[in-house]
């Protein structure tokens, strides 16, 4: 790769995220707590005592989490779920009944108890802007704030009773990539137990740039300016949120899934990540599967967490 496509070094990645973590308060309380309202045409499992928790990001943006405690006595393994670019909120009653606590974190206020919100972080077409917001300003990059939001919610979790001190992280698409990155960002804190990533995005921007079929990566790569200095700076920023660049830091069990027919997060982007993972790892390629929440993933993820969390 030429100098235009240089990524930060591992030491620079560590310094960047250490600095971002230093901006997150250690003591966190929700700004607001709400019960789980039943909206028209919505159903949910009443046997789970879920609550909506509002937190405030380091820049003042408020965001919601759906906290789904197991409700059984004693320390419970706790799973953290993060969304795809649909920014939907996901409940996980099957995991609650299996004995896990589950926290769905929805950074940047994209979605909450009243549905989709925060137009400031959406494009005019309604899509999430986090991937390319302030791409040329690493200290103000959208994902820096996004991951800081997630860590704020995790700081609160760490103070709760009946929550074990290691976490499992999981998600699909953006959520899959973000689960991997959260594990890496928090790897030095000893709280990462295992990660399960379904068809993970945020994986291999550099390789996608070389391909004729860039899949979902065209969304951000097409926005890069032709000015060489700006291009180089923006491409370097992507390195701070590329799972391949973080792979050596992922010293915990990682499960990956791949859709054999996935043109958004192509198999070519995910297999190199698998090859770089330094610890226990598994990859499952699903025949005939395009880009979506893959049907086998919840069962695969639960199996993975039972084995390694």
Protein backbone atom coordinates (compact mmCIF):
# COMPACT_ATOMS: atom_id res chain seq x y z
CA UNK A 1 0.00 0.00 0.00
CA UNK A 2 1.19 3.51 -0.72
CA UNK A 3 1.40 6.22 1.91
CA UNK A 4 -2.13 7.37 1.08
CA UNK A 5 -3.50 4.16 2.57
CA UNK A 6 -1.46 4.03 5.76
CA UNK A 7 -3.21 2.98 8.92
CA UNK A 8 -2.14 3.98 12.43
CA UNK A 9 0.23 1.59 14.18
CA UNK A 10 -0.96 -0.59 17.05
CA UNK A 11 0.72 1.83 19.44
CA UNK A 12 -1.14 4.74 17.85
CA UNK A 13 -4.43 2.84 18.01
CA UNK A 14 -3.80 2.16 21.69
CA UNK A 15 -2.98 5.82 22.36
CA UNK A 16 -6.06 7.02 20.46
CA UNK A 17 -8.50 4.81 22.35
CA UNK A 18 -6.74 5.29 25.68
CA UNK A 19 -7.23 9.01 25.22
CA UNK A 20 -10.89 8.47 24.28
CA UNK A 21 -11.40 6.30 27.39
CA UNK A 22 -9.81 8.95 29.58
CA UNK A 23 -12.65 11.30 28.62
CA UNK A 24 -15.29 8.86 29.88
CA UNK A 25 -16.29 9.36 33.54
CA UNK A 26 -15.67 6.40 35.83
CA UNK A 27 -18.80 7.03 37.86
CA UNK A 28 -21.98 7.03 35.77
CA UNK A 29 -25.67 7.23 36.57
CA UNK A 30 -28.59 7.28 34.11
CA UNK A 31 -30.07 10.67 33.28
CA UNK A 32 -33.51 9.03 33.12
CA UNK A 33 -35.04 5.62 33.80
CA UNK A 34 -38.29 4.47 32.18
CA UNK A 35 -40.29 1.28 32.32
CA UNK A 36 -40.75 -0.64 29.11
CA UNK A 37 -43.89 0.71 27.52
CA UNK A 38 -45.97 -1.41 25.18
CA UNK A 39 -46.38 0.60 22.01
CA UNK A 40 -49.29 0.02 19.61
CA UNK A 41 -48.74 -3.08 17.47
CA UNK A 42 -45.69 -4.06 19.58
CA UNK A 43 -45.35 -7.11 21.76
CA UNK A 44 -42.71 -8.21 24.18
CA UNK A 45 -41.96 -10.84 26.78
CA UNK A 46 -43.50 -9.64 30.04
CA UNK A 47 -41.43 -12.12 32.01
CA UNK A 48 -38.34 -9.94 31.58
CA UNK A 49 -38.12 -6.83 33.74
CA UNK A 50 -36.58 -4.63 31.09
CA UNK A 51 -35.98 -0.92 31.64
CA UNK A 52 -35.00 1.96 29.41
CA UNK A 53 -31.96 3.86 30.67
CA UNK A 54 -30.91 7.24 29.26
CA UNK A 55 -27.26 8.26 29.54
CA UNK A 56 -25.38 11.34 28.38
CA UNK A 57 -22.33 11.18 26.13
CA UNK A 58 -19.15 13.13 26.76
CA UNK A 59 -20.34 15.75 24.25
CA UNK A 60 -23.78 16.06 25.83
CA UNK A 61 -25.70 13.88 23.34
CA UNK A 62 -28.22 11.69 25.15
CA UNK A 63 -28.74 8.06 24.20
CA UNK A 64 -30.81 5.10 25.32
CA UNK A 65 -30.06 1.56 26.44
CA UNK A 66 -32.46 -1.30 27.01
CA UNK A 67 -31.42 -3.07 30.21
CA UNK A 68 -32.73 -6.62 30.46
CA UNK A 69 -31.67 -8.17 33.80
CA UNK A 70 -32.06 -11.90 34.27
CA UNK A 71 -33.85 -11.46 37.58
CA UNK A 72 -32.38 -14.60 39.14
CA UNK A 73 -30.26 -14.30 42.30
CA UNK A 74 -26.48 -14.49 42.22
CA UNK A 75 -23.84 -13.21 39.83
CA UNK A 76 -24.99 -13.45 36.25
CA UNK A 77 -23.04 -13.43 33.01
CA UNK A 78 -23.84 -10.24 31.15
CA UNK A 79 -23.99 -9.75 27.39
CA UNK A 80 -23.72 -6.43 25.56
CA UNK A 81 -25.50 -6.05 22.23
CA UNK A 82 -24.91 -3.18 19.79
CA UNK A 83 -27.05 -2.37 16.72
CA UNK A 84 -26.55 -2.41 12.98
CA UNK A 85 -26.99 0.68 10.83
CA UNK A 86 -30.74 0.24 11.03
CA UNK A 87 -30.15 1.61 14.57
CA UNK A 88 -33.00 -0.54 15.87
CA UNK A 89 -33.26 -1.60 19.50
CA UNK A 90 -33.17 -5.36 20.06
CA UNK A 91 -34.60 -7.33 22.97
CA UNK A 92 -33.29 -10.82 23.74
CA UNK A 93 -35.84 -12.74 25.84
CA UNK A 94 -34.36 -16.14 24.98
CA UNK A 95 -31.01 -15.09 26.44
CA UNK A 96 -32.69 -13.69 29.55
CA UNK A 97 -34.50 -16.99 30.10
CA UNK A 98 -31.19 -18.79 29.57
CA UNK A 99 -29.82 -16.95 32.60
CA UNK A 100 -27.96 -13.97 31.11
CA UNK A 101 -28.34 -10.27 31.74
CA UNK A 102 -28.45 -8.37 28.44
CA UNK A 103 -27.81 -4.69 27.77
CA UNK A 104 -28.66 -3.32 24.35
CA UNK A 105 -26.70 -0.08 23.87
CA UNK A 106 -27.94 2.34 21.21
CA UNK A 107 -25.25 5.04 20.96
CA UNK A 108 -25.80 8.61 19.71
CA UNK A 109 -29.54 8.61 20.47
CA UNK A 110 -30.50 7.01 17.16
CA UNK A 111 -33.34 5.06 18.74
CA UNK A 112 -35.14 4.87 22.06
CA UNK A 113 -38.46 4.07 23.75
CA UNK A 114 -40.41 6.30 21.36
CA UNK A 115 -38.71 4.98 18.24
CA UNK A 116 -36.14 6.56 15.93
CA UNK A 117 -34.79 9.95 16.91
CA UNK A 118 -31.82 12.37 16.85
CA UNK A 119 -31.91 13.74 13.28
CA UNK A 120 -28.63 15.56 13.96
CA UNK A 121 -26.83 12.23 13.52
CA UNK A 122 -28.82 11.14 10.47
CA UNK A 123 -28.32 12.02 6.82
CA UNK A 124 -31.09 13.81 4.90
CA UNK A 125 -32.06 10.37 3.57
CA UNK A 126 -32.45 9.10 7.12
CA UNK A 127 -29.32 6.94 7.33
CA UNK A 128 -26.86 6.86 10.20
CA UNK A 129 -23.97 9.31 9.69
CA UNK A 130 -21.59 7.93 12.31
CA UNK A 131 -19.29 6.19 9.81
CA UNK A 132 -18.28 9.33 7.95
CA UNK A 133 -19.06 12.15 10.38
CA UNK A 134 -15.88 14.21 10.89
CA UNK A 135 -13.78 11.55 9.20
CA UNK A 136 -11.02 14.12 8.65
CA UNK A 137 -11.00 15.07 12.36
CA UNK A 138 -9.94 11.98 14.36
CA UNK A 139 -10.47 13.71 17.70
CA UNK A 140 -14.08 14.50 16.71
CA UNK A 141 -14.77 11.41 14.61
CA UNK A 142 -18.30 10.02 14.86
CA UNK A 143 -17.19 6.60 16.02
CA UNK A 144 -15.05 8.05 18.78
CA UNK A 145 -18.23 9.45 20.37
CA UNK A 146 -20.19 6.29 19.46
CA UNK A 147 -17.79 4.03 21.34
CA UNK A 148 -17.49 6.46 24.23
CA UNK A 149 -21.27 6.21 24.59
CA UNK A 150 -21.01 2.43 24.74
CA UNK A 151 -18.30 2.57 27.40
CA UNK A 152 -20.39 4.99 29.49
CA UNK A 153 -23.16 2.38 29.63
CA UNK A 154 -20.63 -0.34 30.47
CA UNK A 155 -19.23 1.76 33.33
CA UNK A 156 -22.73 1.81 34.82
CA UNK A 157 -23.07 -1.94 34.34
CA UNK A 158 -19.85 -2.55 36.24
CA UNK A 159 -21.41 -1.08 39.40
CA UNK A 160 -24.59 -3.15 39.33
CA UNK A 161 -25.32 -6.08 41.64
CA UNK A 162 -25.65 -9.54 40.14
CA UNK A 163 -23.43 -8.59 37.20
CA UNK A 164 -20.32 -10.72 36.69
CA UNK A 165 -17.09 -8.86 36.07
CA UNK A 166 -16.50 -10.10 32.51
CA UNK A 167 -18.76 -9.38 29.57
CA UNK A 168 -19.69 -10.95 26.26
CA UNK A 169 -20.15 -8.65 23.25
CA UNK A 170 -22.27 -9.44 20.20
CA UNK A 171 -24.05 -7.90 17.23
CA UNK A 172 -24.68 -8.12 13.49
CA UNK A 173 -23.25 -6.04 10.62
CA UNK A 174 -22.17 -2.72 12.19
CA UNK A 175 -22.99 -4.39 15.49
CA UNK A 176 -20.69 -7.30 14.70
CA UNK A 177 -17.78 -5.02 13.88
CA UNK A 178 -18.54 -2.78 16.83
CA UNK A 179 -18.68 -5.75 19.21
CA UNK A 180 -15.20 -6.75 18.05
CA UNK A 181 -13.92 -3.20 18.43
CA UNK A 182 -15.45 -2.76 21.89
CA UNK A 183 -13.61 -5.88 22.95
CA UNK A 184 -10.36 -4.45 21.61
CA UNK A 185 -10.88 -0.98 23.11
CA UNK A 186 -11.53 -2.52 26.55
CA UNK A 187 -9.05 -5.41 26.24
CA UNK A 188 -6.59 -3.94 28.73
CA UNK A 189 -9.24 -3.72 31.45
CA UNK A 190 -9.67 -7.47 31.88
CA UNK A 191 -13.46 -7.36 31.42
CA UNK A 192 -13.74 -8.94 27.96
CA UNK A 193 -14.77 -12.58 28.09
CA UNK A 194 -15.73 -13.40 24.50
CA UNK A 195 -17.12 -11.82 21.32
CA UNK A 196 -19.58 -13.13 18.73
CA UNK A 197 -19.75 -11.10 15.51
CA UNK A 198 -22.35 -11.78 12.84
CA UNK A 199 -21.37 -10.73 9.27
CA UNK A 200 -19.18 -7.96 10.74
CA UNK A 201 -18.86 -4.61 9.00
CA UNK A 202 -15.99 -2.23 9.89
CA UNK A 203 -13.69 -4.93 8.56
CA UNK A 204 -10.96 -4.39 5.97
CA UNK A 205 -11.51 -0.95 4.42
CA UNK A 206 -8.12 -1.19 2.72
CA UNK A 207 -8.90 -4.45 0.94
CA UNK A 208 -12.37 -3.22 -0.02
CA UNK A 209 -10.83 -0.10 -1.57
CA UNK A 210 -8.90 -2.31 -4.00
CA UNK A 211 -11.94 -4.32 -5.07
CA UNK A 212 -14.29 -3.63 -7.96
CA UNK A 213 -17.14 -4.79 -5.71
CA UNK A 214 -16.71 -2.75 -2.56
CA UNK A 215 -20.03 -3.81 -1.11
CA UNK A 216 -21.17 -1.76 1.85
CA UNK A 217 -17.79 -0.06 2.04
CA UNK A 218 -18.66 2.09 -0.96
CA UNK A 219 -20.80 4.14 1.46
CA UNK A 220 -17.73 5.68 3.03
CA UNK A 221 -15.07 5.11 0.38
CA UNK A 222 -17.08 7.08 -2.20
CA UNK A 223 -17.05 10.07 0.17
CA UNK A 224 -13.27 10.30 0.36
CA UNK A 225 -11.95 13.45 -1.25
CA UNK A 226 -9.47 13.39 -4.15
CA UNK A 227 -7.21 15.80 -2.29
CA UNK A 228 -4.27 13.59 -1.28
CA UNK A 229 -3.69 15.12 2.15
CA UNK A 230 -7.34 14.94 3.12
CA UNK A 231 -7.70 11.46 1.63
CA UNK A 232 -4.72 10.18 3.59
CA UNK A 233 -5.95 11.72 6.84
CA UNK A 234 -9.46 10.32 6.42
CA UNK A 235 -8.23 6.87 5.43
CA UNK A 236 -5.97 6.85 8.46
CA UNK A 237 -8.98 7.64 10.66
CA UNK A 238 -10.74 4.54 9.30
CA UNK A 239 -7.83 2.54 10.70
CA UNK A 240 -8.93 3.41 14.21
CA UNK A 241 -12.18 1.50 13.58
CA UNK A 242 -11.03 -1.32 11.31
CA UNK A 243 -11.27 -4.69 13.02
CA UNK A 244 -8.33 -6.01 10.99
CA UNK A 245 -6.09 -3.26 12.37
CA UNK A 246 -7.28 -4.19 15.88
CA UNK A 247 -6.95 -7.95 15.41
CA UNK A 248 -3.67 -8.41 17.37
CA UNK A 249 -5.40 -6.83 20.38
CA UNK A 250 -8.28 -9.36 20.31
CA UNK A 251 -6.77 -11.82 22.75
CA UNK A 252 -10.08 -13.46 23.65
CA UNK A 253 -12.34 -16.04 21.97
CA UNK A 254 -13.96 -14.69 18.81
CA UNK A 255 -16.77 -16.20 16.76
CA UNK A 256 -17.39 -14.87 13.23
CA UNK A 257 -20.13 -15.63 10.77
CA UNK A 258 -20.00 -15.01 7.02
CA UNK A 259 -22.82 -14.98 4.50
CA UNK A 260 -21.64 -16.83 1.41
CA UNK A 261 -23.82 -14.53 -0.76
CA UNK A 262 -23.26 -11.38 1.31
CA UNK A 263 -22.36 -8.51 -1.02
CA UNK A 264 -22.48 -5.86 1.73
CA UNK A 265 -19.89 -7.43 4.03
CA UNK A 266 -18.22 -9.79 1.56
CA UNK A 267 -16.44 -12.94 2.64
CA UNK A 268 -13.18 -11.52 1.24
CA UNK A 269 -13.23 -8.84 3.95
CA UNK A 270 -13.81 -11.20 6.90
CA UNK A 271 -11.52 -14.17 6.24
CA UNK A 272 -8.32 -12.07 6.59
CA UNK A 273 -9.58 -10.91 10.00
CA UNK A 274 -10.07 -14.53 11.04
CA UNK A 275 -6.52 -15.36 10.00
CA UNK A 276 -5.12 -12.55 12.17
CA UNK A 277 -6.98 -13.41 15.38
CA UNK A 278 -4.48 -14.52 18.06
CA UNK A 279 -6.72 -16.55 20.40
CA UNK A 280 -9.47 -19.18 20.20
CA UNK A 281 -11.48 -18.47 17.05
CA UNK A 282 -14.16 -19.92 14.85
CA UNK A 283 -15.68 -18.86 11.56
CA UNK A 284 -18.98 -20.19 10.18
CA UNK A 285 -19.79 -19.57 6.51
CA UNK A 286 -23.50 -19.84 5.84
CA UNK A 287 -24.42 -21.19 2.40
CA UNK A 288 -26.95 -19.07 0.49
CA UNK A 289 -26.94 -16.33 3.13
CA UNK A 290 -26.98 -12.70 2.03
CA UNK A 291 -26.49 -9.71 4.29
CA UNK A 292 -28.91 -9.79 7.21
CA UNK A 293 -29.21 -10.87 10.79
CA UNK A 294 -28.36 -14.49 10.06
CA UNK A 295 -30.92 -16.95 11.50
CA UNK A 296 -28.34 -19.32 13.10
CA UNK A 297 -26.43 -16.52 14.81
CA UNK A 298 -28.38 -16.22 18.11
CA UNK A 299 -27.95 -19.96 18.76
CA UNK A 300 -24.30 -19.89 17.70
CA UNK A 301 -23.61 -16.87 19.91
CA UNK A 302 -25.28 -18.43 22.94
CA UNK A 303 -23.23 -21.59 22.45
CA UNK A 304 -20.07 -19.48 22.19
CA UNK A 305 -20.80 -17.58 25.40
CA UNK A 306 -21.62 -20.79 27.26
CA UNK A 307 -18.24 -22.18 26.23
CA UNK A 308 -16.03 -19.14 26.76
CA UNK A 309 -17.68 -16.50 28.96
